[in-house]
Amino acid sequence: MASCERCGRSPLKGNARSHSNIKTIRRQKLNLQTKRVNGKKMLICANCLKSLNKPPRRKKK
């Protein structure tokens, strides 16, 4: 099962509903990207990739 190597998120499970209200189990897969971080190839989700280059937030006083 593919998951993010940075945050550990994995695919979600849910139900797809038809017009007749029959449920079938479906999976919502992550948007995984292969990126080189600190010289290592990693599978990173797009959410982590967006926050990778941002400076850390400062605490309010």
PDB file of N, CA and C in Angstrom:
ATOM      1  N   MET A   1       0.852  -1.169   0.000  1.00  0.00           N
ATOM      2  CA  MET A   1       0.000   0.000   0.000  1.00  0.00           C
ATOM      3  C   MET A   1       0.898   1.231   0.000  1.00  0.00           C
ATOM      4  N   ALA A   2       0.674   2.126  -0.938  1.00  0.00           N
ATOM      5  CA  ALA A   2       1.480   3.328  -1.051  1.00  0.00           C
ATOM      6  C   ALA A   2       1.054   4.349  -0.003  1.00  0.00           C
ATOM      7  N   SER A   3       2.046   4.928   0.662  1.00  0.00           N
ATOM      8  CA  SER A   3       1.766   5.970   1.634  1.00  0.00           C
ATOM      9  C   SER A   3       2.883   6.996   1.581  1.00  0.00           C
ATOM     10  N   CYS A   4       2.641   8.148   2.161  1.00  0.00           N
ATOM     11  CA  CYS A   4       3.608   9.234   2.180  1.00  0.00           C
ATOM     12  C   CYS A   4       4.743   8.867   3.127  1.00  0.00           C
ATOM     13  N   GLU A   5       5.976   9.035   2.677  1.00  0.00           N
ATOM     14  CA  GLU A   5       7.120   8.679   3.509  1.00  0.00           C
ATOM     15  C   GLU A   5       7.463   9.782   4.499  1.00  0.00           C
ATOM     16  N   ARG A   6       6.855  10.936   4.368  1.00  0.00           N
ATOM     17  CA  ARG A   6       7.146  12.044   5.277  1.00  0.00           C
ATOM     18  C   ARG A   6       6.138  12.109   6.423  1.00  0.00           C
ATOM     19  N   CYS A   7       4.836  12.078   6.092  1.00  0.00           N
ATOM     20  CA  CYS A   7       3.819  12.221   7.138  1.00  0.00           C
ATOM     21  C   CYS A   7       3.133  10.896   7.482  1.00  0.00           C
ATOM     22  N   GLY A   8       3.257   9.879   6.617  1.00  0.00           N
ATOM     23  CA  GLY A   8       2.683   8.573   6.907  1.00  0.00           C
ATOM     24  C   GLY A   8       1.224   8.410   6.513  1.00  0.00           C
ATOM     25  N   ARG A   9       0.669   9.400   5.788  1.00  0.00           N
ATOM     26  CA  ARG A   9      -0.724   9.285   5.359  1.00  0.00           C
ATOM     27  C   ARG A   9      -0.881   8.127   4.390  1.00  0.00           C
ATOM     28  N   SER A  10      -2.035   7.470   4.437  1.00  0.00           N
ATOM     29  CA  SER A  10      -2.326   6.359   3.532  1.00  0.00           C
ATOM     30  C   SER A  10      -3.698   6.591   2.911  1.00  0.00           C
ATOM     31  N   PRO A  11      -4.077   5.806   1.898  1.00  0.00           N
ATOM     32  CA  PRO A  11      -5.370   6.018   1.241  1.00  0.00           C
ATOM     33  C   PRO A  11      -6.551   5.872   2.195  1.00  0.00           C
ATOM     34  N   LEU A  12      -7.636   6.616   1.885  1.00  0.00           N
ATOM     35  CA  LEU A  12      -8.859   6.567   2.677  1.00  0.00           C
ATOM     36  C   LEU A  12      -9.839   5.583   2.059  1.00  0.00           C
ATOM     37  N   LYS A  13     -10.714   5.017   2.898  1.00  0.00           N
ATOM     38  CA  LYS A  13     -11.778   4.147   2.392  1.00  0.00           C
ATOM     39  C   LYS A  13     -13.105   4.853   2.573  1.00  0.00           C
ATOM     40  N   GLY A  14     -13.973   4.685   1.586  1.00  0.00           N
ATOM     41  CA  GLY A  14     -15.294   5.275   1.675  1.00  0.00           C
ATOM     42  C   GLY A  14     -16.249   4.502   0.795  1.00  0.00           C
ATOM     43  N   ASN A  15     -17.470   4.973   0.732  1.00  0.00           N
ATOM     44  CA  ASN A  15     -18.482   4.308  -0.079  1.00  0.00           C
ATOM     45  C   ASN A  15     -18.859   5.178  -1.265  1.00  0.00           C
ATOM     46  N   ALA A  16     -18.956   4.556  -2.436  1.00  0.00           N
ATOM     47  CA  ALA A  16     -19.504   5.212  -3.610  1.00  0.00           C
ATOM     48  C   ALA A  16     -20.976   4.842  -3.663  1.00  0.00           C
ATOM     49  N   ARG A  17     -21.832   5.828  -3.787  1.00  0.00           N
ATOM     50  CA  ARG A  17     -23.279   5.575  -3.799  1.00  0.00           C
ATOM     51  C   ARG A  17     -23.822   5.755  -5.209  1.00  0.00           C
ATOM     52  N   SER A  18     -24.587   4.773  -5.682  1.00  0.00           N
ATOM     53  CA  SER A  18     -25.216   4.865  -6.993  1.00  0.00           C
ATOM     54  C   SER A  18     -26.575   5.551  -6.857  1.00  0.00           C
ATOM     55  N   HIS A  19     -27.260   5.739  -7.987  1.00  0.00           N
ATOM     56  CA  HIS A  19     -28.586   6.364  -7.949  1.00  0.00           C
ATOM     57  C   HIS A  19     -29.599   5.501  -7.199  1.00  0.00           C
ATOM     58  N   SER A  20     -29.388   4.185  -7.215  1.00  0.00           N
ATOM     59  CA  SER A  20     -30.290   3.298  -6.478  1.00  0.00           C
ATOM     60  C   SER A  20     -29.836   3.101  -5.033  1.00  0.00           C
ATOM     61  N   ASN A  21     -28.866   3.909  -4.583  1.00  0.00           N
ATOM     62  CA  ASN A  21     -28.366   3.941  -3.206  1.00  0.00           C
ATOM     63  C   ASN A  21     -27.610   2.669  -2.817  1.00  0.00           C
ATOM     64  N   ILE A  22     -27.085   1.939  -3.813  1.00  0.00           N
ATOM     65  CA  ILE A  22     -26.241   0.783  -3.532  1.00  0.00           C
ATOM     66  C   ILE A  22     -24.851   1.303  -3.207  1.00  0.00           C
ATOM     67  N   LYS A  23     -24.256   0.767  -2.136  1.00  0.00           N
ATOM     68  CA  LYS A  23     -22.919   1.236  -1.784  1.00  0.00           C
ATOM     69  C   LYS A  23     -21.865   0.231  -2.221  1.00  0.00           C
ATOM     70  N   THR A  24     -20.776   0.731  -2.764  1.00  0.00           N
ATOM     71  CA  THR A  24     -19.617  -0.078  -3.095  1.00  0.00           C
ATOM     72  C   THR A  24     -18.411   0.613  -2.483  1.00  0.00           C
ATOM     73  N   ILE A  25     -17.521  -0.167  -1.920  1.00  0.00           N
ATOM     74  CA  ILE A  25     -16.350   0.392  -1.251  1.00  0.00           C
ATOM     75  C   ILE A  25     -15.378   0.916  -2.301  1.00  0.00           C
ATOM     76  N   ARG A  26     -14.909   2.150  -2.098  1.00  0.00           N
ATOM     77  CA  ARG A  26     -13.931   2.748  -2.991  1.00  0.00           C
ATOM     78  C   ARG A  26     -12.798   3.299  -2.160  1.00  0.00           C
ATOM     79  N   ARG A  27     -11.672   3.524  -2.799  1.00  0.00           N
ATOM     80  CA  ARG A  27     -10.507   4.071  -2.117  1.00  0.00           C
ATOM     81  C   ARG A  27     -10.158   5.425  -2.711  1.00  0.00           C
ATOM     82  N   GLN A  28      -9.859   6.385  -1.857  1.00  0.00           N
ATOM     83  CA  GLN A  28      -9.373   7.689  -2.298  1.00  0.00           C
ATOM     84  C   GLN A  28      -7.864   7.662  -2.127  1.00  0.00           C
ATOM     85  N   LYS A  29      -7.159   7.578  -3.241  1.00  0.00           N
ATOM     86  CA  LYS A  29      -5.709   7.478  -3.186  1.00  0.00           C
ATOM     87  C   LYS A  29      -5.081   8.856  -3.015  1.00  0.00           C
ATOM     88  N   LEU A  30      -3.887   8.883  -2.459  1.00  0.00           N
ATOM     89  CA  LEU A  30      -3.152  10.126  -2.273  1.00  0.00           C
ATOM     90  C   LEU A  30      -2.520  10.565  -3.580  1.00  0.00           C
ATOM     91  N   ASN A  31      -2.238  11.856  -3.669  1.00  0.00           N
ATOM     92  CA  ASN A  31      -1.518  12.406  -4.799  1.00  0.00           C
ATOM     93  C   ASN A  31      -0.033  12.322  -4.468  1.00  0.00           C
ATOM     94  N   LEU A  32       0.578  11.164  -4.762  1.00  0.00           N
ATOM     95  CA  LEU A  32       1.971  10.934  -4.402  1.00  0.00           C
ATOM     96  C   LEU A  32       2.890  11.352  -5.536  1.00  0.00           C
ATOM     97  N   GLN A  33       3.964  12.036  -5.171  1.00  0.00           N
ATOM     98  CA  GLN A  33       4.962  12.507  -6.116  1.00  0.00           C
ATOM     99  C   GLN A  33       6.317  11.941  -5.702  1.00  0.00           C
ATOM    100  N   THR A  34       7.151  11.582  -6.671  1.00  0.00           N
ATOM    101  CA  THR A  34       8.504  11.130  -6.384  1.00  0.00           C
ATOM    102  C   THR A  34       9.413  12.347  -6.422  1.00  0.00           C
ATOM    103  N   LYS A  35      10.028  12.662  -5.288  1.00  0.00           N
ATOM    104  CA  LYS A  35      10.914  13.823  -5.206  1.00  0.00           C
ATOM    105  C   LYS A  35      12.190  13.426  -4.488  1.00  0.00           C
ATOM    106  N   ARG A  36      13.256  14.133  -4.818  1.00  0.00           N
ATOM    107  CA  ARG A  36      14.534  13.920  -4.159  1.00  0.00           C
ATOM    108  C   ARG A  36      14.662  14.933  -3.027  1.00  0.00           C
ATOM    109  N   VAL A  37      14.705  14.444  -1.790  1.00  0.00           N
ATOM    110  CA  VAL A  37      14.799  15.302  -0.614  1.00  0.00           C
ATOM    111  C   VAL A  37      16.057  14.912   0.136  1.00  0.00           C
ATOM    112  N   ASN A  38      16.963  15.860   0.297  1.00  0.00           N
ATOM    113  CA  ASN A  38      18.240  15.626   0.992  1.00  0.00           C
ATOM    114  C   ASN A  38      19.007  14.456   0.387  1.00  0.00           C
ATOM    115  N   GLY A  39      18.966  14.332  -0.942  1.00  0.00           N
ATOM    116  CA  GLY A  39      19.718  13.291  -1.634  1.00  0.00           C
ATOM    117  C   GLY A  39      19.054  11.937  -1.682  1.00  0.00           C
ATOM    118  N   LYS A  40      17.835  11.787  -1.117  1.00  0.00           N
ATOM    119  CA  LYS A  40      17.119  10.517  -1.143  1.00  0.00           C
ATOM    120  C   LYS A  40      15.838  10.662  -1.938  1.00  0.00           C
ATOM    121  N   LYS A  41      15.525   9.647  -2.762  1.00  0.00           N
ATOM    122  CA  LYS A  41      14.251   9.650  -3.472  1.00  0.00           C
ATOM    123  C   LYS A  41      13.154   9.229  -2.515  1.00  0.00           C
ATOM    124  N   MET A  42      12.083  10.030  -2.459  1.00  0.00           N
ATOM    125  CA  MET A  42      10.989   9.740  -1.544  1.00  0.00           C
ATOM    126  C   MET A  42       9.660   9.894  -2.254  1.00  0.00           C
ATOM    127  N   LEU A  43       8.651   9.122  -1.806  1.00  0.00           N
ATOM    128  CA  LEU A  43       7.277   9.317  -2.241  1.00  0.00           C
ATOM    129  C   LEU A  43       6.623  10.258  -1.250  1.00  0.00           C
ATOM    130  N   ILE A  44       6.280  11.458  -1.711  1.00  0.00           N
ATOM    131  CA  ILE A  44       5.734  12.492  -0.837  1.00  0.00           C
ATOM    132  C   ILE A  44       4.376  12.903  -1.371  1.00  0.00           C
ATOM    133  N   CYS A  45       3.395  13.076  -0.474  1.00  0.00           N
ATOM    134  CA  CYS A  45       2.080  13.537  -0.904  1.00  0.00           C
ATOM    135  C   CYS A  45       2.175  15.020  -1.271  1.00  0.00           C
ATOM    136  N   ALA A  46       1.245  15.478  -2.079  1.00  0.00           N
ATOM    137  CA  ALA A  46       1.271  16.852  -2.570  1.00  0.00           C
ATOM    138  C   ALA A  46       1.132  17.853  -1.428  1.00  0.00           C
ATOM    139  N   ASN A  47       0.426  17.479  -0.363  1.00  0.00           N
ATOM    140  CA  ASN A  47       0.267  18.361   0.783  1.00  0.00           C
ATOM    141  C   ASN A  47       1.611  18.606   1.469  1.00  0.00           C
ATOM    142  N   CYS A  48       2.416  17.564   1.650  1.00  0.00           N
ATOM    143  CA  CYS A  48       3.742  17.715   2.252  1.00  0.00           C
ATOM    144  C   CYS A  48       4.680  18.464   1.315  1.00  0.00           C
ATOM    145  N   LEU A  49       4.514  18.236   0.025  1.00  0.00           N
ATOM    146  CA  LEU A  49       5.362  18.891  -0.964  1.00  0.00           C
ATOM    147  C   LEU A  49       5.157  20.404  -0.950  1.00  0.00           C
ATOM    148  N   LYS A  50       3.913  20.833  -0.738  1.00  0.00           N
ATOM    149  CA  LYS A  50       3.627  22.261  -0.664  1.00  0.00           C
ATOM    150  C   LYS A  50       4.256  22.894   0.566  1.00  0.00           C
ATOM    151  N   SER A  51       4.262  22.171   1.681  1.00  0.00           N
ATOM    152  CA  SER A  51       4.784  22.737   2.923  1.00  0.00           C
ATOM    153  C   SER A  51       6.275  22.480   3.095  1.00  0.00           C
ATOM    154  N   LEU A  52       6.901  21.778   2.159  1.00  0.00           N
ATOM    155  CA  LEU A  52       8.310  21.419   2.276  1.00  0.00           C
ATOM    156  C   LEU A  52       9.212  22.646   2.190  1.00  0.00           C
ATOM    157  N   ASN A  53       8.897  23.574   1.289  1.00  0.00           N
ATOM    158  CA  ASN A  53       9.763  24.715   1.060  1.00  0.00           C
ATOM    159  C   ASN A  53       9.364  25.943   1.868  1.00  0.00           C
ATOM    160  N   LYS A  54       8.290  25.858   2.640  1.00  0.00           N
ATOM    161  CA  LYS A  54       7.849  27.007   3.420  1.00  0.00           C
ATOM    162  C   LYS A  54       8.662  27.110   4.701  1.00  0.00           C
ATOM    163  N   PRO A  55       8.959  28.329   5.145  1.00  0.00           N
ATOM    164  CA  PRO A  55       9.646  28.464   6.426  1.00  0.00           C
ATOM    165  C   PRO A  55       8.717  28.073   7.567  1.00  0.00           C
ATOM    166  N   PRO A  56       9.267  27.601   8.685  1.00  0.00           N
ATOM    167  CA  PRO A  56       8.388  27.216   9.806  1.00  0.00           C
ATOM    168  C   PRO A  56       7.660  28.429  10.375  1.00  0.00           C
ATOM    169  N   ARG A  57       6.453  28.198  10.858  1.00  0.00           N
ATOM    170  CA  ARG A  57       5.646  29.280  11.426  1.00  0.00           C
ATOM    171  C   ARG A  57       6.198  29.721  12.769  1.00  0.00           C
ATOM    172  N   ARG A  58       6.118  31.029  12.995  1.00  0.00           N
ATOM    173  CA  ARG A  58       6.547  31.552  14.291  1.00  0.00           C
ATOM    174  C   ARG A  58       5.363  31.613  15.234  1.00  0.00           C
ATOM    175  N   LYS A  59       5.605  31.393  16.511  1.00  0.00           N
ATOM    176  CA  LYS A  59       4.535  31.461  17.495  1.00  0.00           C
ATOM    177  C   LYS A  59       4.197  32.911  17.786  1.00  0.00           C
ATOM    178  N   LYS A  60       2.910  33.172  17.988  1.00  0.00           N
ATOM    179  CA  LYS A  60       2.480  34.512  18.362  1.00  0.00           C
ATOM    180  C   LYS A  60       2.749  34.759  19.837  1.00  0.00           C
ATOM    181  N   LYS A  61       3.088  35.989  20.157  1.00  0.00           N
ATOM    182  CA  LYS A  61       3.360  36.320  21.560  1.00  0.00           C
ATOM    183  C   LYS A  61       2.121  36.753  22.266  1.00  0.00           C
TER     184      LYS A  61
END
